[in-house]
């Protein structure tokens, strides 16, 4: 892909978000698309969002579980950018016209008190840089079709990364914990939709330890001359499968003693 291709693809995705109409797979339009191309499209979206007056409030990490990696035939996570208009209050109701086909995932969020980055970042560095961890939900939305209607080809990792890793929203619970005050591998969640349990999981599903997920992000960002900044929130990755959230869905994520998070969709 050329730099103009990156800008054009980003413009199509931004238009899809605004009009709530999905576009077809970028990997069909650009069959030679690479990982670097995908992040270049995401970067073009980032620049356009800043021009629109948005600000970056954090980062999300995806594809941290083996199940999701196997599904997309990839062996590394991906990442996306959290913008200020993606933040929803715990217990909020999402307007019906906000998203196309929203889904949610349950995650452990890291809220940072100092910057962290570089190729040599360690788990101790991440713990030291973390103000607190909290229960959270990520709202996903796809501005790209999941399946090409003509060929039945599924979207690839490059489509997802280009689409800001399918990121759309973040909901933080009110509980706060020290990053090293609890074994995050054993933090569990029971995620219910309209009162019925849909998914359960453990933090260990995220690269065996959510802290290691943040280590991965901090190291990867070095390639793009980025660092995780003070005050930013990092969604470390889901340990449940995505739950569909059509209109009328009420989500309750029970993390036990770690806390809880709620979100509803009008």
Protein backbone atom coordinates (compact mmCIF):
# COMPACT_ATOMS: atom_id res chain seq x y z
CA UNK A 1 0.00 0.00 0.00
CA UNK A 2 1.08 3.55 -0.65
CA UNK A 3 0.77 6.44 1.84
CA UNK A 4 -2.22 7.67 -0.17
CA UNK A 5 -3.80 4.21 0.15
CA UNK A 6 -3.42 4.42 3.94
CA UNK A 7 -5.10 7.84 4.03
CA UNK A 8 -7.93 6.75 1.72
CA UNK A 9 -8.60 3.58 3.72
CA UNK A 10 -8.67 5.60 6.95
CA UNK A 11 -11.11 8.08 5.39
CA UNK A 12 -13.42 5.22 4.36
CA UNK A 13 -13.36 3.81 7.90
CA UNK A 14 -14.07 7.20 9.46
CA UNK A 15 -16.96 7.70 7.06
CA UNK A 16 -18.28 4.23 7.93
CA UNK A 17 -18.15 5.13 11.61
CA UNK A 18 -19.99 8.40 11.05
CA UNK A 19 -22.70 6.92 8.81
CA UNK A 20 -22.87 3.60 10.72
CA UNK A 21 -22.45 1.66 7.47
CA UNK A 22 -19.80 -1.04 7.22
CA UNK A 23 -17.34 -1.19 4.33
CA UNK A 24 -15.98 -4.32 2.72
CA UNK A 25 -12.70 -5.96 3.68
CA UNK A 26 -9.61 -3.85 3.10
CA UNK A 27 -7.68 -7.07 2.49
CA UNK A 28 -9.90 -7.69 -0.51
CA UNK A 29 -9.15 -4.23 -1.89
CA UNK A 30 -5.45 -4.49 -0.97
CA UNK A 31 -4.55 -8.22 -1.07
CA UNK A 32 -0.84 -7.51 -0.41
CA UNK A 33 -1.62 -5.56 2.75
CA UNK A 34 0.92 -6.06 5.56
CA UNK A 35 0.99 -5.54 9.32
CA UNK A 36 2.85 -2.25 8.83
CA UNK A 37 0.18 -1.15 6.33
CA UNK A 38 -2.55 -1.93 8.85
CA UNK A 39 -0.92 0.14 11.59
CA UNK A 40 -0.30 2.92 9.06
CA UNK A 41 -4.05 3.05 8.36
CA UNK A 42 -4.70 3.12 12.11
CA UNK A 43 -2.18 5.95 12.43
CA UNK A 44 -3.98 7.90 9.70
CA UNK A 45 -7.21 7.50 11.69
CA UNK A 46 -5.35 8.74 14.78
CA UNK A 47 -4.20 11.90 12.98
CA UNK A 48 -7.68 12.55 11.60
CA UNK A 49 -9.24 12.12 15.05
CA UNK A 50 -6.81 14.62 16.54
CA UNK A 51 -7.75 17.10 13.81
CA UNK A 52 -11.39 16.60 14.80
CA UNK A 53 -10.53 17.66 18.35
CA UNK A 54 -10.29 14.23 19.94
CA UNK A 55 -7.57 13.35 22.46
CA UNK A 56 -5.93 10.03 23.32
CA UNK A 57 -6.87 8.61 26.74
CA UNK A 58 -5.22 5.22 26.40
CA UNK A 59 -4.70 2.00 24.51
CA UNK A 60 -6.35 -1.37 24.05
CA UNK A 61 -4.68 -4.72 23.51
CA UNK A 62 -6.50 -7.43 21.60
CA UNK A 63 -6.00 -11.02 20.51
CA UNK A 64 -4.28 -11.92 23.77
CA UNK A 65 -5.99 -15.29 24.15
CA UNK A 66 -4.95 -18.42 22.28
CA UNK A 67 -8.53 -19.03 21.18
CA UNK A 68 -8.77 -15.68 19.39
CA UNK A 69 -5.27 -16.02 17.92
CA UNK A 70 -6.11 -19.43 16.50
CA UNK A 71 -9.36 -18.06 15.06
CA UNK A 72 -7.48 -15.38 13.10
CA UNK A 73 -4.39 -17.51 12.38
CA UNK A 74 -1.99 -15.13 14.13
CA UNK A 75 0.38 -15.67 17.03
CA UNK A 76 0.73 -12.13 18.40
CA UNK A 77 -1.67 -9.62 19.96
CA UNK A 78 -2.73 -6.37 18.32
CA UNK A 79 -3.44 -2.91 19.69
CA UNK A 80 -5.66 0.10 19.18
CA UNK A 81 -6.13 3.64 20.47
CA UNK A 82 -8.63 4.87 23.07
CA UNK A 83 -10.03 8.35 22.41
CA UNK A 84 -11.81 10.63 24.86
CA UNK A 85 -15.24 10.18 23.27
CA UNK A 86 -15.05 6.42 23.84
CA UNK A 87 -15.36 6.68 27.63
CA UNK A 88 -18.69 5.63 29.16
CA UNK A 89 -19.63 5.83 32.84
CA UNK A 90 -20.28 2.65 34.77
CA UNK A 91 -24.01 1.92 34.44
CA UNK A 92 -24.50 4.22 31.45
CA UNK A 93 -26.95 3.63 28.61
CA UNK A 94 -25.38 3.69 25.15
CA UNK A 95 -27.55 5.58 22.63
CA UNK A 96 -29.05 3.38 19.94
CA UNK A 97 -27.55 5.45 17.13
CA UNK A 98 -23.98 5.33 18.50
CA UNK A 99 -22.67 2.03 17.10
CA UNK A 100 -23.21 -0.37 14.20
CA UNK A 101 -23.05 -3.85 15.77
CA UNK A 102 -21.69 -3.46 19.29
CA UNK A 103 -20.24 -6.27 21.38
CA UNK A 104 -18.52 -6.27 24.75
CA UNK A 105 -15.50 -7.96 26.31
CA UNK A 106 -14.44 -8.12 29.97
CA UNK A 107 -10.93 -6.98 30.82
CA UNK A 108 -8.57 -5.74 33.52
CA UNK A 109 -7.72 -2.07 33.00
CA UNK A 110 -4.40 -0.51 34.01
CA UNK A 111 -4.49 3.20 34.84
CA UNK A 112 -0.99 4.66 34.67
CA UNK A 113 0.69 7.16 36.99
CA UNK A 114 3.92 7.46 35.01
CA UNK A 115 5.15 6.86 31.48
CA UNK A 116 6.44 3.45 30.47
CA UNK A 117 8.00 2.35 27.19
CA UNK A 118 11.07 0.96 25.47
CA UNK A 119 12.31 -2.36 24.16
CA UNK A 120 13.60 -3.42 27.57
CA UNK A 121 10.40 -2.83 29.56
CA UNK A 122 9.85 -5.44 32.29
CA UNK A 123 6.84 -6.46 34.36
CA UNK A 124 8.41 -4.63 37.31
CA UNK A 125 8.49 -1.45 35.19
CA UNK A 126 4.79 -1.84 34.39
CA UNK A 127 3.87 -2.43 38.04
CA UNK A 128 5.88 0.62 39.09
CA UNK A 129 4.22 2.79 36.42
CA UNK A 130 0.67 1.65 37.26
CA UNK A 131 -1.48 3.79 39.53
CA UNK A 132 -4.14 1.09 39.91
CA UNK A 133 -5.95 -1.72 38.11
CA UNK A 134 -9.74 -1.92 37.80
CA UNK A 135 -12.48 -4.09 36.30
CA UNK A 136 -13.59 -2.91 32.88
CA UNK A 137 -15.62 -3.60 29.79
CA UNK A 138 -14.49 -2.85 26.28
CA UNK A 139 -17.15 -2.03 23.71
CA UNK A 140 -16.26 -3.38 20.28
CA UNK A 141 -17.67 -2.28 16.95
CA UNK A 142 -16.62 -3.15 13.43
CA UNK A 143 -16.60 -0.59 10.68
CA UNK A 144 -15.52 -3.42 8.36
CA UNK A 145 -17.69 -6.40 7.45
CA UNK A 146 -16.72 -9.61 9.22
CA UNK A 147 -17.32 -11.63 6.03
CA UNK A 148 -17.12 -10.63 2.37
CA UNK A 149 -20.65 -11.25 0.98
CA UNK A 150 -19.32 -12.27 -2.44
CA UNK A 151 -16.56 -14.71 -1.52
CA UNK A 152 -17.44 -15.56 2.11
CA UNK A 153 -13.84 -14.71 2.98
CA UNK A 154 -13.45 -13.70 6.61
CA UNK A 155 -11.76 -10.49 7.69
CA UNK A 156 -8.07 -10.83 8.50
CA UNK A 157 -5.96 -9.40 11.28
CA UNK A 158 -4.93 -6.54 8.96
CA UNK A 159 -8.59 -5.52 8.59
CA UNK A 160 -9.04 -5.52 12.36
CA UNK A 161 -5.90 -3.50 13.10
CA UNK A 162 -6.79 -0.95 10.41
CA UNK A 163 -10.19 -0.59 12.06
CA UNK A 164 -8.49 0.58 15.29
CA UNK A 165 -8.56 -3.02 16.56
CA UNK A 166 -12.40 -2.87 16.45
CA UNK A 167 -12.30 -0.52 19.42
CA UNK A 168 -15.33 1.61 20.20
CA UNK A 169 -15.70 2.23 23.93
CA UNK A 170 -14.47 1.67 27.47
CA UNK A 171 -16.31 1.35 30.78
CA UNK A 172 -14.38 1.31 34.07
CA UNK A 173 -15.66 -0.09 37.33
CA UNK A 174 -15.30 2.02 40.46
CA UNK A 175 -13.05 -0.42 42.37
CA UNK A 176 -9.30 0.21 42.42
CA UNK A 177 -6.51 -2.22 43.29
CA UNK A 178 -2.72 -2.16 43.40
CA UNK A 179 -1.24 -3.93 40.36
CA UNK A 180 0.87 -6.14 42.61
CA UNK A 181 -1.71 -6.45 45.38
CA UNK A 182 -3.49 -9.39 43.81
CA UNK A 183 -2.60 -12.22 41.44
CA UNK A 184 -4.29 -10.94 38.30
CA UNK A 185 -4.12 -14.38 36.69
CA UNK A 186 -6.83 -15.49 39.13
CA UNK A 187 -9.17 -12.54 38.67
CA UNK A 188 -12.34 -14.04 37.24
CA UNK A 189 -15.49 -12.68 35.66
CA UNK A 190 -19.05 -13.84 35.17
CA UNK A 191 -20.49 -11.84 32.28
CA UNK A 192 -24.28 -11.77 31.97
CA UNK A 193 -26.58 -10.40 29.29
CA UNK A 194 -30.11 -9.50 30.42
CA UNK A 195 -29.66 -11.59 33.54
CA UNK A 196 -28.36 -14.72 31.82
CA UNK A 197 -24.75 -15.84 32.12
CA UNK A 198 -23.07 -15.66 28.71
CA UNK A 199 -19.34 -16.03 29.42
CA UNK A 200 -16.89 -16.70 32.24
CA UNK A 201 -13.10 -16.46 32.29
CA UNK A 202 -9.88 -15.90 34.20
CA UNK A 203 -7.18 -13.27 33.83
CA UNK A 204 -4.67 -16.01 32.99
CA UNK A 205 -6.30 -16.18 29.56
CA UNK A 206 -4.46 -12.93 28.76
CA UNK A 207 -0.94 -14.06 27.85
CA UNK A 208 -0.92 -16.04 31.14
CA UNK A 209 -0.79 -12.71 33.05
CA UNK A 210 -2.40 -9.34 32.15
CA UNK A 211 0.76 -7.53 33.30
CA UNK A 212 2.68 -9.29 30.51
CA UNK A 213 0.13 -7.93 28.05
CA UNK A 214 1.01 -4.37 29.03
CA UNK A 215 4.71 -5.27 28.78
CA UNK A 216 4.07 -6.44 25.21
CA UNK A 217 2.31 -3.17 24.33
CA UNK A 218 5.03 -0.97 25.82
CA UNK A 219 7.70 -2.82 23.85
CA UNK A 220 5.69 -2.85 20.59
CA UNK A 221 5.03 0.88 20.78
CA UNK A 222 8.77 1.52 20.67
CA UNK A 223 8.72 0.56 16.98
CA UNK A 224 6.31 3.42 16.34
CA UNK A 225 8.14 5.87 18.64
CA UNK A 226 5.30 5.86 21.15
CA UNK A 227 5.08 5.42 24.93
CA UNK A 228 2.26 4.83 27.38
CA UNK A 229 1.71 8.18 29.11
CA UNK A 230 0.74 9.15 32.68
CA UNK A 231 -3.02 9.17 33.22
CA UNK A 232 -3.70 6.89 30.28
CA UNK A 233 -5.73 3.69 30.59
CA UNK A 234 -4.60 0.40 29.07
CA UNK A 235 -7.13 -2.34 28.43
CA UNK A 236 -4.99 -5.45 28.83
CA UNK A 237 -7.09 -7.85 26.77
CA UNK A 238 -10.26 -9.86 27.12
CA UNK A 239 -10.50 -13.23 28.84
CA UNK A 240 -13.99 -13.96 27.51
CA UNK A 241 -15.36 -14.24 24.00
CA UNK A 242 -17.20 -11.15 22.68
CA UNK A 243 -20.87 -10.88 23.65
CA UNK A 244 -23.27 -9.47 21.07
CA UNK A 245 -25.18 -6.42 22.30
CA UNK A 246 -28.22 -5.66 20.15
CA UNK A 247 -30.67 -2.96 21.19
CA UNK A 248 -32.17 -3.69 24.60
CA UNK A 249 -29.15 -5.53 26.01
CA UNK A 250 -28.11 -4.97 29.62
CA UNK A 251 -24.63 -6.24 30.52
CA UNK A 252 -23.43 -7.01 34.03
CA UNK A 253 -19.84 -8.17 34.55
CA UNK A 254 -19.26 -9.61 38.02
CA UNK A 255 -15.54 -9.77 38.86
CA UNK A 256 -16.21 -10.98 42.42
CA UNK A 257 -14.12 -9.18 45.02
CA UNK A 258 -12.32 -7.34 42.20
CA UNK A 259 -15.50 -5.36 41.42
CA UNK A 260 -18.23 -5.13 38.80
CA UNK A 261 -19.14 -3.17 35.66
CA UNK A 262 -22.48 -2.47 33.98
CA UNK A 263 -23.50 -1.05 30.62
CA UNK A 264 -26.80 -1.06 28.71
CA UNK A 265 -27.67 -0.50 25.06
CA UNK A 266 -30.80 1.49 24.21
